[in-house]
Amino acid sequence: MGKIDRSSKPYKPSTKEPFMNERQKEYFRQKLNDWKQDILRESQETLDHLQDESGKLADMADRASSETDRSIELRARDRQRKLIAKIDSALRRIDEGTYGYCEETGEPISLKRLEARPIATLSIEAQERHERREKVYRDD
């Protein structure tokens, strides 16, 4: 039996290496760009679907159902547009060297959180404080 080749194993950021070193920055840059491309592809598919549907509907029930679908798809596209803006902002932070650091405390955001939500701008603790403050104001 030969040795296991570990070099082909995909890179995952680790707490054993310096935080936001070049390899980690490149990893998150690629993750963000891949996510953005997926969203843009889905958005184009939605647009193509809406254009295909608009010419085919003859009866009123089909047309009403289609308008509801169109409304839902347009709201989804608006959410996607906002998400792309957050992704672009995260990519700028990578270029500026501020990516991965909490906007409130300046402390590193955990790699686990960034892996789950690469657009995060707050550490878990700061996010929880922020949400508690929002809840207090909503309850008033």
C-alpha atoms as a PDB file:
ATOM      1  CA  MET A   1       0.000   0.000   0.000  1.00  0.00           C
ATOM      2  CA  GLY A   2       1.189   3.451  -0.912  1.00  0.00           C
ATOM      3  CA  LYS A   3       1.039   6.659   1.069  1.00  0.00           C
ATOM      4  CA  ILE A   4      -2.117   8.719   1.031  1.00  0.00           C
ATOM      5  CA  ASP A   5      -1.677  11.860  -1.054  1.00  0.00           C
ATOM      6  CA  ARG A   6      -2.973  14.684   1.131  1.00  0.00           C
ATOM      7  CA  SER A   7      -2.016  17.410  -1.361  1.00  0.00           C
ATOM      8  CA  SER A   8      -5.168  16.747  -3.414  1.00  0.00           C
ATOM      9  CA  LYS A   9      -7.402  17.395  -0.414  1.00  0.00           C
ATOM     10  CA  PRO A  10      -9.253  20.718  -0.849  1.00  0.00           C
ATOM     11  CA  TYR A  11      -7.998  23.605   1.271  1.00  0.00           C
ATOM     12  CA  LYS A  12     -10.038  24.590   4.316  1.00  0.00           C
ATOM     13  CA  PRO A  13      -9.047  27.537   6.534  1.00  0.00           C
ATOM     14  CA  SER A  14      -7.754  26.462   9.919  1.00  0.00           C
ATOM     15  CA  THR A  15      -7.265  28.146  13.280  1.00  0.00           C
ATOM     16  CA  LYS A  16      -3.746  26.647  13.234  1.00  0.00           C
ATOM     17  CA  GLU A  17      -2.611  29.207  10.642  1.00  0.00           C
ATOM     18  CA  PRO A  18      -2.386  33.011  10.867  1.00  0.00           C
ATOM     19  CA  PHE A  19      -5.838  34.623  10.649  1.00  0.00           C
ATOM     20  CA  MET A  20      -6.653  36.087   7.220  1.00  0.00           C
ATOM     21  CA  ASN A  21      -3.346  35.097   5.670  1.00  0.00           C
ATOM     22  CA  GLU A  22      -3.165  35.238   1.866  1.00  0.00           C
ATOM     23  CA  ARG A  23      -4.414  31.670   1.469  1.00  0.00           C
ATOM     24  CA  GLN A  24      -7.480  32.348   3.633  1.00  0.00           C
ATOM     25  CA  LYS A  25      -8.202  35.596   1.792  1.00  0.00           C
ATOM     26  CA  GLU A  26      -8.005  33.810  -1.543  1.00  0.00           C
ATOM     27  CA  TYR A  27     -10.215  30.998  -0.241  1.00  0.00           C
ATOM     28  CA  PHE A  28     -12.957  33.435   0.845  1.00  0.00           C
ATOM     29  CA  ARG A  29     -12.550  35.543  -2.305  1.00  0.00           C
ATOM     30  CA  GLN A  30     -13.186  32.413  -4.395  1.00  0.00           C
ATOM     31  CA  LYS A  31     -16.096  31.327  -2.173  1.00  0.00           C
ATOM     32  CA  LEU A  32     -17.722  34.770  -2.518  1.00  0.00           C
ATOM     33  CA  ASN A  33     -17.147  34.936  -6.284  1.00  0.00           C
ATOM     34  CA  ASP A  34     -18.586  31.425  -6.768  1.00  0.00           C
ATOM     35  CA  TRP A  35     -21.652  32.383  -4.716  1.00  0.00           C
ATOM     36  CA  LYS A  36     -22.095  35.572  -6.749  1.00  0.00           C
ATOM     37  CA  GLN A  37     -21.871  33.639 -10.044  1.00  0.00           C
ATOM     38  CA  ASP A  38     -24.492  31.155  -8.806  1.00  0.00           C
ATOM     39  CA  ILE A  39     -26.852  34.021  -7.932  1.00  0.00           C
ATOM     40  CA  LEU A  40     -26.310  35.729 -11.293  1.00  0.00           C
ATOM     41  CA  ARG A  41     -26.951  32.468 -13.129  1.00  0.00           C
ATOM     42  CA  GLU A  42     -30.179  31.887 -11.159  1.00  0.00           C
ATOM     43  CA  SER A  43     -31.231  35.457 -11.824  1.00  0.00           C
ATOM     44  CA  GLN A  44     -30.739  35.021 -15.566  1.00  0.00           C
ATOM     45  CA  GLU A  45     -32.723  31.767 -15.486  1.00  0.00           C
ATOM     46  CA  THR A  46     -35.556  33.582 -13.693  1.00  0.00           C
ATOM     47  CA  LEU A  47     -35.527  36.347 -16.283  1.00  0.00           C
ATOM     48  CA  ASP A  48     -35.586  33.832 -19.135  1.00  0.00           C
ATOM     49  CA  HIS A  49     -38.468  31.961 -17.472  1.00  0.00           C
ATOM     50  CA  LEU A  50     -40.499  35.160 -17.007  1.00  0.00           C
ATOM     51  CA  GLN A  51     -40.017  36.103 -20.657  1.00  0.00           C
ATOM     52  CA  ASP A  52     -41.033  32.620 -21.845  1.00  0.00           C
ATOM     53  CA  GLU A  53     -44.158  32.589 -19.680  1.00  0.00           C
ATOM     54  CA  SER A  54     -45.442  36.044 -20.614  1.00  0.00           C
ATOM     55  CA  GLY A  55     -46.254  35.125 -24.219  1.00  0.00           C
ATOM     56  CA  LYS A  56     -47.934  31.774 -23.559  1.00  0.00           C
ATOM     57  CA  LEU A  57     -50.840  32.621 -21.276  1.00  0.00           C
ATOM     58  CA  ALA A  58     -54.308  32.877 -22.697  1.00  0.00           C
ATOM     59  CA  ASP A  59     -56.824  32.284 -19.933  1.00  0.00           C
ATOM     60  CA  MET A  60     -57.412  34.636 -16.984  1.00  0.00           C
ATOM     61  CA  ALA A  61     -56.710  32.025 -14.289  1.00  0.00           C
ATOM     62  CA  ASP A  62     -53.361  31.199 -15.886  1.00  0.00           C
ATOM     63  CA  ARG A  63     -52.579  34.893 -16.196  1.00  0.00           C
ATOM     64  CA  ALA A  64     -53.471  35.581 -12.526  1.00  0.00           C
ATOM     65  CA  SER A  65     -51.394  32.627 -11.364  1.00  0.00           C
ATOM     66  CA  SER A  66     -48.525  33.808 -13.531  1.00  0.00           C
ATOM     67  CA  GLU A  67     -48.716  37.322 -12.030  1.00  0.00           C
ATOM     68  CA  THR A  68     -48.456  35.842  -8.537  1.00  0.00           C
ATOM     69  CA  ASP A  69     -45.441  33.770  -9.632  1.00  0.00           C
ATOM     70  CA  ARG A  70     -43.910  36.851 -11.254  1.00  0.00           C
ATOM     71  CA  SER A  71     -44.360  38.862  -8.061  1.00  0.00           C
ATOM     72  CA  ILE A  72     -42.675  36.137  -5.983  1.00  0.00           C
ATOM     73  CA  GLU A  73     -39.816  35.813  -8.478  1.00  0.00           C
ATOM     74  CA  LEU A  74     -39.287  39.586  -8.571  1.00  0.00           C
ATOM     75  CA  ARG A  75     -39.113  39.737  -4.761  1.00  0.00           C
ATOM     76  CA  ALA A  76     -36.571  36.911  -4.870  1.00  0.00           C
ATOM     77  CA  ARG A  77     -34.542  38.834  -7.463  1.00  0.00           C
ATOM     78  CA  ASP A  78     -34.604  41.913  -5.210  1.00  0.00           C
ATOM     79  CA  ARG A  79     -33.227  39.795  -2.337  1.00  0.00           C
ATOM     80  CA  GLN A  80     -30.580  38.428  -4.717  1.00  0.00           C
ATOM     81  CA  ARG A  81     -29.617  41.967  -5.775  1.00  0.00           C
ATOM     82  CA  LYS A  82     -29.159  42.963  -2.120  1.00  0.00           C
ATOM     83  CA  LEU A  83     -27.134  39.815  -1.477  1.00  0.00           C
ATOM     84  CA  ILE A  84     -24.854  40.593  -4.422  1.00  0.00           C
ATOM     85  CA  ALA A  85     -24.254  44.057  -2.949  1.00  0.00           C
ATOM     86  CA  LYS A  86     -23.219  42.408   0.349  1.00  0.00           C
ATOM     87  CA  ILE A  87     -20.944  39.988  -1.514  1.00  0.00           C
ATOM     88  CA  ASP A  88     -19.329  42.891  -3.404  1.00  0.00           C
ATOM     89  CA  SER A  89     -18.847  44.692  -0.087  1.00  0.00           C
ATOM     90  CA  ALA A  90     -17.153  41.593   1.387  1.00  0.00           C
ATOM     91  CA  LEU A  91     -14.862  41.366  -1.664  1.00  0.00           C
ATOM     92  CA  ARG A  92     -13.898  45.032  -1.159  1.00  0.00           C
ATOM     93  CA  ARG A  93     -13.132  44.306   2.509  1.00  0.00           C
ATOM     94  CA  ILE A  94     -10.805  41.482   1.415  1.00  0.00           C
ATOM     95  CA  ASP A  95      -8.971  43.942  -0.858  1.00  0.00           C
ATOM     96  CA  GLU A  96      -8.818  46.528   1.946  1.00  0.00           C
ATOM     97  CA  GLY A  97      -7.605  44.008   4.538  1.00  0.00           C
ATOM     98  CA  THR A  98     -10.615  44.412   6.849  1.00  0.00           C
ATOM     99  CA  TYR A  99     -12.431  41.211   5.865  1.00  0.00           C
ATOM    100  CA  GLY A 100     -12.990  38.749   8.695  1.00  0.00           C
ATOM    101  CA  TYR A 101     -12.835  41.372  11.421  1.00  0.00           C
ATOM    102  CA  CYS A 102     -15.892  42.499  13.393  1.00  0.00           C
ATOM    103  CA  GLU A 103     -17.029  45.997  12.421  1.00  0.00           C
ATOM    104  CA  GLU A 104     -18.065  46.655  16.021  1.00  0.00           C
ATOM    105  CA  THR A 105     -15.149  45.273  18.040  1.00  0.00           C
ATOM    106  CA  GLY A 106     -12.332  44.865  15.514  1.00  0.00           C
ATOM    107  CA  GLU A 107     -11.837  41.301  16.752  1.00  0.00           C
ATOM    108  CA  PRO A 108     -11.545  38.389  14.307  1.00  0.00           C
ATOM    109  CA  ILE A 109     -14.831  36.765  13.297  1.00  0.00           C
ATOM    110  CA  SER A 110     -14.583  33.011  13.782  1.00  0.00           C
ATOM    111  CA  LEU A 111     -13.664  30.968  10.708  1.00  0.00           C
ATOM    112  CA  LYS A 112     -16.675  28.763  11.434  1.00  0.00           C
ATOM    113  CA  ARG A 113     -18.990  31.793  11.171  1.00  0.00           C
ATOM    114  CA  LEU A 114     -17.285  33.064   8.010  1.00  0.00           C
ATOM    115  CA  GLU A 115     -17.531  29.596   6.487  1.00  0.00           C
ATOM    116  CA  ALA A 116     -21.290  29.538   7.179  1.00  0.00           C
ATOM    117  CA  ARG A 117     -21.902  33.216   6.327  1.00  0.00           C
ATOM    118  CA  PRO A 118     -19.006  34.646   4.296  1.00  0.00           C
ATOM    119  CA  ILE A 119     -20.652  38.086   4.182  1.00  0.00           C
ATOM    120  CA  ALA A 120     -20.701  38.399   7.992  1.00  0.00           C
ATOM    121  CA  THR A 121     -19.510  41.760   9.302  1.00  0.00           C
ATOM    122  CA  LEU A 122     -20.077  41.105  13.004  1.00  0.00           C
ATOM    123  CA  SER A 123     -18.802  38.428  15.366  1.00  0.00           C
ATOM    124  CA  ILE A 124     -21.451  36.127  16.859  1.00  0.00           C
ATOM    125  CA  GLU A 125     -21.331  38.066  20.140  1.00  0.00           C
ATOM    126  CA  ALA A 126     -21.701  41.468  18.434  1.00  0.00           C
ATOM    127  CA  GLN A 127     -24.506  40.111  16.215  1.00  0.00           C
ATOM    128  CA  GLU A 128     -26.374  38.804  19.267  1.00  0.00           C
ATOM    129  CA  ARG A 129     -26.009  42.188  21.031  1.00  0.00           C
ATOM    130  CA  HIS A 130     -27.261  43.914  17.879  1.00  0.00           C
ATOM    131  CA  GLU A 131     -30.295  41.600  17.663  1.00  0.00           C
ATOM    132  CA  ARG A 132     -31.111  42.093  21.370  1.00  0.00           C
ATOM    133  CA  ARG A 133     -31.043  45.884  20.889  1.00  0.00           C
ATOM    134  CA  GLU A 134     -33.306  45.576  17.834  1.00  0.00           C
ATOM    135  CA  LYS A 135     -35.746  43.405  19.797  1.00  0.00           C
ATOM    136  CA  VAL A 136     -35.907  45.949  22.637  1.00  0.00           C
ATOM    137  CA  TYR A 137     -36.744  48.744  20.180  1.00  0.00           C
ATOM    138  CA  ARG A 138     -39.325  46.580  18.353  1.00  0.00           C
ATOM    139  CA  ASP A 139     -41.062  45.678  21.614  1.00  0.00           C
ATOM    140  CA  ASP A 140     -41.496  49.331  22.664  1.00  0.00           C
END
